Amino acid sequence: MINIEEFRKLELRVGVVKSAEAHPKADRLIVLKVDLGAEERQIVAGIRAHYQPEELVGKQIVVVANLEPAVLRGVESQGMLLAANDGEHVVVLSPEKVVGPGAKVS
């Protein structure tokens, strides 16, 4: 369990996927360029078994924006997208209605 102060440390933002392509060195990863309003980020996500890159372009997603960058199979990821996983399906989380890029999720 975490307390509310620890939860508040997470910076969750809505981003718009500007481009998506298969990772050149990994069958399970997709490299996304995401507009977060004030900046564009590159995010590497392990969702290729559930999404084709082209279906993600233009989609609004929820991103952990203050996660320390990580290098995944030689490509830097500057955040993490959120997805639901029920053991069979993986579904990328997105807002119910369109909001501006960079909108804060709380």
Protein backbone atom coordinates (compact mmCIF):
# COMPACT_ATOMS: atom_id res chain seq x y z
CA MET A 1 0.00 0.00 0.00
CA ILE A 2 1.10 3.54 -0.71
CA ASN A 3 -0.21 6.68 0.88
CA ILE A 4 -1.82 9.61 -0.95
CA GLU A 5 1.41 11.63 -0.89
CA GLU A 6 3.25 8.86 -2.73
CA PHE A 7 0.44 8.63 -5.30
CA ARG A 8 0.57 12.40 -5.86
CA LYS A 9 4.19 12.03 -6.98
CA LEU A 10 2.96 10.37 -10.18
CA GLU A 11 2.48 12.80 -13.06
CA LEU A 12 -0.18 11.27 -15.28
CA ARG A 13 -0.83 13.15 -18.52
CA VAL A 14 -2.88 12.65 -21.65
CA GLY A 15 -0.82 12.37 -24.79
CA VAL A 16 -1.67 12.08 -28.48
CA VAL A 17 0.21 9.44 -30.48
CA LYS A 18 1.81 11.24 -33.45
CA SER A 19 3.61 8.21 -34.88
CA ALA A 20 4.12 4.56 -34.05
CA GLU A 21 6.43 1.95 -35.51
CA ALA A 22 7.63 -1.53 -34.71
CA HIS A 23 10.81 -1.59 -32.64
CA PRO A 24 13.67 -2.59 -34.96
CA LYS A 25 15.18 -5.06 -32.47
CA ALA A 26 12.20 -6.47 -30.56
CA ASP A 27 9.09 -8.33 -31.72
CA ARG A 28 6.98 -7.26 -28.72
CA LEU A 29 7.73 -3.52 -28.64
CA ILE A 30 6.31 -0.46 -30.40
CA VAL A 31 8.10 2.92 -30.48
CA LEU A 32 5.66 5.83 -30.12
CA LYS A 33 6.13 9.57 -30.58
CA VAL A 34 3.65 11.21 -28.20
CA ASP A 35 2.55 14.86 -28.02
CA LEU A 36 2.22 15.90 -24.37
CA GLY A 37 1.28 19.48 -25.16
CA ALA A 38 4.45 21.32 -24.14
CA GLU A 39 6.73 18.63 -25.53
CA GLU A 40 6.96 15.48 -27.59
CA ARG A 41 8.23 12.27 -26.02
CA GLN A 42 9.35 8.90 -27.30
CA ILE A 43 7.78 5.96 -25.47
CA VAL A 44 8.58 2.29 -25.99
CA ALA A 45 5.68 -0.02 -25.09
CA GLY A 46 5.35 -3.80 -25.00
CA ILE A 47 1.96 -3.92 -26.71
CA ARG A 48 2.80 -5.17 -30.20
CA ALA A 49 1.02 -8.50 -29.66
CA HIS A 50 -2.20 -6.53 -29.10
CA TYR A 51 -1.91 -3.49 -31.40
CA GLN A 52 -0.60 -2.75 -34.85
CA PRO A 53 1.42 0.49 -34.82
CA GLU A 54 -0.88 2.23 -37.31
CA GLU A 55 -3.97 1.74 -35.08
CA LEU A 56 -2.36 3.86 -32.37
CA VAL A 57 -1.67 6.97 -34.48
CA GLY A 58 -4.02 9.79 -33.45
CA LYS A 59 -5.15 7.95 -30.30
CA GLN A 60 -5.17 9.71 -26.94
CA ILE A 61 -3.36 7.71 -24.25
CA VAL A 62 -2.54 8.11 -20.57
CA VAL A 63 1.19 8.46 -19.85
CA VAL A 64 3.32 8.43 -16.70
CA ALA A 65 5.24 11.57 -17.61
CA ASN A 66 7.71 11.77 -14.72
CA LEU A 67 9.14 8.27 -14.98
CA GLU A 68 12.91 8.13 -15.27
CA PRO A 69 13.96 7.38 -18.89
CA ALA A 70 14.97 3.79 -19.67
CA VAL A 71 16.66 2.17 -22.65
CA LEU A 72 14.72 -0.79 -24.03
CA ARG A 73 16.60 -2.90 -26.57
CA GLY A 74 18.72 0.12 -27.55
CA VAL A 75 15.88 2.69 -27.80
CA GLU A 76 15.23 5.29 -25.10
CA SER A 77 11.76 5.41 -23.56
CA GLN A 78 10.82 8.74 -21.95
CA GLY A 79 7.68 7.66 -20.11
CA MET A 80 5.22 4.81 -19.86
CA LEU A 81 1.76 4.38 -21.30
CA LEU A 82 -0.91 2.86 -19.10
CA ALA A 83 -2.88 -0.20 -20.19
CA ALA A 84 -5.32 -2.64 -18.63
CA ASN A 85 -4.48 -6.35 -18.78
CA ASP A 86 -6.99 -9.06 -17.85
CA GLY A 87 -4.63 -11.92 -18.72
CA GLU A 88 -6.07 -12.28 -22.20
CA HIS A 89 -6.42 -8.73 -23.53
CA VAL A 90 -4.27 -5.63 -23.21
CA VAL A 91 -6.13 -2.36 -23.71
CA VAL A 92 -4.42 1.03 -23.80
CA LEU A 93 -6.10 3.51 -21.43
CA SER A 94 -7.50 6.67 -22.94
CA PRO A 95 -9.88 9.40 -21.77
CA GLU A 96 -13.59 8.94 -22.40
CA LYS A 97 -13.75 12.27 -24.28
CA VAL A 98 -11.10 14.19 -26.19
CA VAL A 99 -9.03 16.58 -24.05
CA GLY A 100 -6.03 18.71 -24.91
CA PRO A 101 -2.56 17.11 -25.10
CA GLY A 102 -0.82 17.36 -21.75
CA ALA A 103 -4.05 17.39 -19.73
CA LYS A 104 -3.40 16.22 -16.19
CA VAL A 105 -5.01 12.98 -15.03
CA SER A 106 -6.03 13.00 -11.37
